[in-house]
């Protein structure tokens, strides 16, 4: 049986967060900024076929849904697995406090 491919949706908050990180990196190294952004997009796109490959995010209460997270470089990517879609909720630098807003 072939697993259903889910749509990956970037929330406004996550898109703005990634763009802010991109702009900060770009000031020092445009090539690094491009590599980080592309790497994060590639990793989130792979969630469409394997949404549960990363662990549950311990900072989000279970009542909020199936919120998971993974790390790329110094970034924590937080996402929620729903029935037909995966919502990318936030991209947080690991030096920042994790939060559930």
C-alpha atoms as a PDB file:
ATOM      1  CA  UNK A   1       0.000   0.000   0.000  1.00  0.00           C
ATOM      2  CA  UNK A   2       1.341   3.402  -0.983  1.00  0.00           C
ATOM      3  CA  UNK A   3       1.183   6.062   1.720  1.00  0.00           C
ATOM      4  CA  UNK A   4      -0.895   9.132   1.000  1.00  0.00           C
ATOM      5  CA  UNK A   5       1.204  12.183   0.205  1.00  0.00           C
ATOM      6  CA  UNK A   6       0.242  15.152   2.372  1.00  0.00           C
ATOM      7  CA  UNK A   7       0.418  18.789   1.337  1.00  0.00           C
ATOM      8  CA  UNK A   8       3.044  20.860   3.168  1.00  0.00           C
ATOM      9  CA  UNK A   9       1.689  24.295   4.105  1.00  0.00           C
ATOM     10  CA  UNK A  10       3.854  27.115   5.467  1.00  0.00           C
ATOM     11  CA  UNK A  11       2.044  29.314   7.971  1.00  0.00           C
ATOM     12  CA  UNK A  12       2.612  33.053   7.725  1.00  0.00           C
ATOM     13  CA  UNK A  13       4.505  32.967  11.015  1.00  0.00           C
ATOM     14  CA  UNK A  14       6.882  30.241   9.802  1.00  0.00           C
ATOM     15  CA  UNK A  15       7.471  31.949   6.445  1.00  0.00           C
ATOM     16  CA  UNK A  16       8.286  35.264   8.147  1.00  0.00           C
ATOM     17  CA  UNK A  17      10.554  33.543  10.640  1.00  0.00           C
ATOM     18  CA  UNK A  18      12.518  31.764   7.908  1.00  0.00           C
ATOM     19  CA  UNK A  19      12.800  34.989   5.903  1.00  0.00           C
ATOM     20  CA  UNK A  20      14.141  36.838   8.962  1.00  0.00           C
ATOM     21  CA  UNK A  21      16.773  34.142   9.549  1.00  0.00           C
ATOM     22  CA  UNK A  22      17.646  34.183   5.843  1.00  0.00           C
ATOM     23  CA  UNK A  23      18.171  37.961   5.838  1.00  0.00           C
ATOM     24  CA  UNK A  24      20.405  37.786   8.922  1.00  0.00           C
ATOM     25  CA  UNK A  25      22.587  35.065   7.426  1.00  0.00           C
ATOM     26  CA  UNK A  26      22.681  36.846   4.055  1.00  0.00           C
ATOM     27  CA  UNK A  27      24.385  39.872   5.631  1.00  0.00           C
ATOM     28  CA  UNK A  28      27.439  37.725   6.310  1.00  0.00           C
ATOM     29  CA  UNK A  29      27.207  35.133   3.557  1.00  0.00           C
ATOM     30  CA  UNK A  30      24.650  35.113   0.724  1.00  0.00           C
ATOM     31  CA  UNK A  31      25.726  31.586  -0.270  1.00  0.00           C
ATOM     32  CA  UNK A  32      25.188  30.250   3.243  1.00  0.00           C
ATOM     33  CA  UNK A  33      21.801  31.960   3.425  1.00  0.00           C
ATOM     34  CA  UNK A  34      20.704  30.273   0.190  1.00  0.00           C
ATOM     35  CA  UNK A  35      22.015  26.881   1.342  1.00  0.00           C
ATOM     36  CA  UNK A  36      20.191  27.100   4.686  1.00  0.00           C
ATOM     37  CA  UNK A  37      16.895  28.211   3.146  1.00  0.00           C
ATOM     38  CA  UNK A  38      17.008  25.545   0.410  1.00  0.00           C
ATOM     39  CA  UNK A  39      17.978  22.879   2.947  1.00  0.00           C
ATOM     40  CA  UNK A  40      15.069  23.743   5.219  1.00  0.00           C
ATOM     41  CA  UNK A  41      12.609  23.748   2.289  1.00  0.00           C
ATOM     42  CA  UNK A  42      13.931  20.391   1.095  1.00  0.00           C
ATOM     43  CA  UNK A  43      13.615  18.888   4.580  1.00  0.00           C
ATOM     44  CA  UNK A  44      10.063  20.179   5.057  1.00  0.00           C
ATOM     45  CA  UNK A  45       9.008  18.933   1.616  1.00  0.00           C
ATOM     46  CA  UNK A  46      10.171  15.436   2.567  1.00  0.00           C
ATOM     47  CA  UNK A  47       7.568  15.475   5.337  1.00  0.00           C
ATOM     48  CA  UNK A  48       4.833  15.001   2.715  1.00  0.00           C
ATOM     49  CA  UNK A  49       5.623  11.289   2.485  1.00  0.00           C
ATOM     50  CA  UNK A  50       7.026  10.697   5.987  1.00  0.00           C
ATOM     51  CA  UNK A  51       5.300  13.167   8.334  1.00  0.00           C
ATOM     52  CA  UNK A  52       5.996  11.220  11.528  1.00  0.00           C
ATOM     53  CA  UNK A  53       9.699  10.586  11.065  1.00  0.00           C
ATOM     54  CA  UNK A  54      10.616  13.187  13.698  1.00  0.00           C
ATOM     55  CA  UNK A  55       9.691  13.187  17.352  1.00  0.00           C
ATOM     56  CA  UNK A  56       6.825  14.921  19.106  1.00  0.00           C
ATOM     57  CA  UNK A  57       7.783  18.424  20.259  1.00  0.00           C
ATOM     58  CA  UNK A  58       7.902  18.348  24.046  1.00  0.00           C
ATOM     59  CA  UNK A  59       7.166  22.091  24.336  1.00  0.00           C
ATOM     60  CA  UNK A  60       3.679  21.822  22.829  1.00  0.00           C
ATOM     61  CA  UNK A  61       0.818  20.336  24.860  1.00  0.00           C
ATOM     62  CA  UNK A  62      -0.682  17.222  23.274  1.00  0.00           C
ATOM     63  CA  UNK A  63      -4.116  18.905  23.276  1.00  0.00           C
ATOM     64  CA  UNK A  64      -2.889  21.277  20.551  1.00  0.00           C
ATOM     65  CA  UNK A  65      -2.512  18.431  18.083  1.00  0.00           C
ATOM     66  CA  UNK A  66       0.336  16.333  16.758  1.00  0.00           C
ATOM     67  CA  UNK A  67       3.144  18.886  16.881  1.00  0.00           C
ATOM     68  CA  UNK A  68       6.578  17.576  15.939  1.00  0.00           C
ATOM     69  CA  UNK A  69      10.006  19.088  15.415  1.00  0.00           C
ATOM     70  CA  UNK A  70      13.369  18.505  13.798  1.00  0.00           C
ATOM     71  CA  UNK A  71      16.651  20.373  13.556  1.00  0.00           C
ATOM     72  CA  UNK A  72      18.636  21.659  10.567  1.00  0.00           C
ATOM     73  CA  UNK A  73      21.879  23.436  11.341  1.00  0.00           C
ATOM     74  CA  UNK A  74      20.999  25.755  14.242  1.00  0.00           C
ATOM     75  CA  UNK A  75      17.276  25.843  13.506  1.00  0.00           C
ATOM     76  CA  UNK A  76      14.352  24.034  15.094  1.00  0.00           C
ATOM     77  CA  UNK A  77      11.563  23.482  12.575  1.00  0.00           C
ATOM     78  CA  UNK A  78       8.195  22.958  14.265  1.00  0.00           C
ATOM     79  CA  UNK A  79       5.296  21.413  12.363  1.00  0.00           C
ATOM     80  CA  UNK A  80       1.864  19.942  12.954  1.00  0.00           C
ATOM     81  CA  UNK A  81       0.617  16.775  11.294  1.00  0.00           C
ATOM     82  CA  UNK A  82      -3.068  16.929  10.425  1.00  0.00           C
ATOM     83  CA  UNK A  83      -5.266  14.514   8.514  1.00  0.00           C
ATOM     84  CA  UNK A  84      -4.621  15.973   5.043  1.00  0.00           C
ATOM     85  CA  UNK A  85      -1.921  18.590   5.542  1.00  0.00           C
ATOM     86  CA  UNK A  86       1.285  19.348   7.368  1.00  0.00           C
ATOM     87  CA  UNK A  87       1.510  22.879   8.717  1.00  0.00           C
ATOM     88  CA  UNK A  88       4.987  24.303   9.222  1.00  0.00           C
ATOM     89  CA  UNK A  89       4.413  26.361  12.377  1.00  0.00           C
ATOM     90  CA  UNK A  90       7.740  28.044  13.037  1.00  0.00           C
ATOM     91  CA  UNK A  91      11.485  28.118  12.374  1.00  0.00           C
ATOM     92  CA  UNK A  92      13.323  28.975  15.575  1.00  0.00           C
ATOM     93  CA  UNK A  93      17.045  29.519  16.045  1.00  0.00           C
ATOM     94  CA  UNK A  94      18.295  27.140  18.724  1.00  0.00           C
ATOM     95  CA  UNK A  95      19.657  30.065  20.738  1.00  0.00           C
ATOM     96  CA  UNK A  96      16.056  31.282  21.166  1.00  0.00           C
ATOM     97  CA  UNK A  97      13.709  29.917  23.789  1.00  0.00           C
ATOM     98  CA  UNK A  98      11.223  27.469  22.265  1.00  0.00           C
ATOM     99  CA  UNK A  99       7.674  28.706  22.580  1.00  0.00           C
ATOM    100  CA  UNK A 100       4.222  27.517  21.664  1.00  0.00           C
ATOM    101  CA  UNK A 101       2.606  30.670  20.338  1.00  0.00           C
END
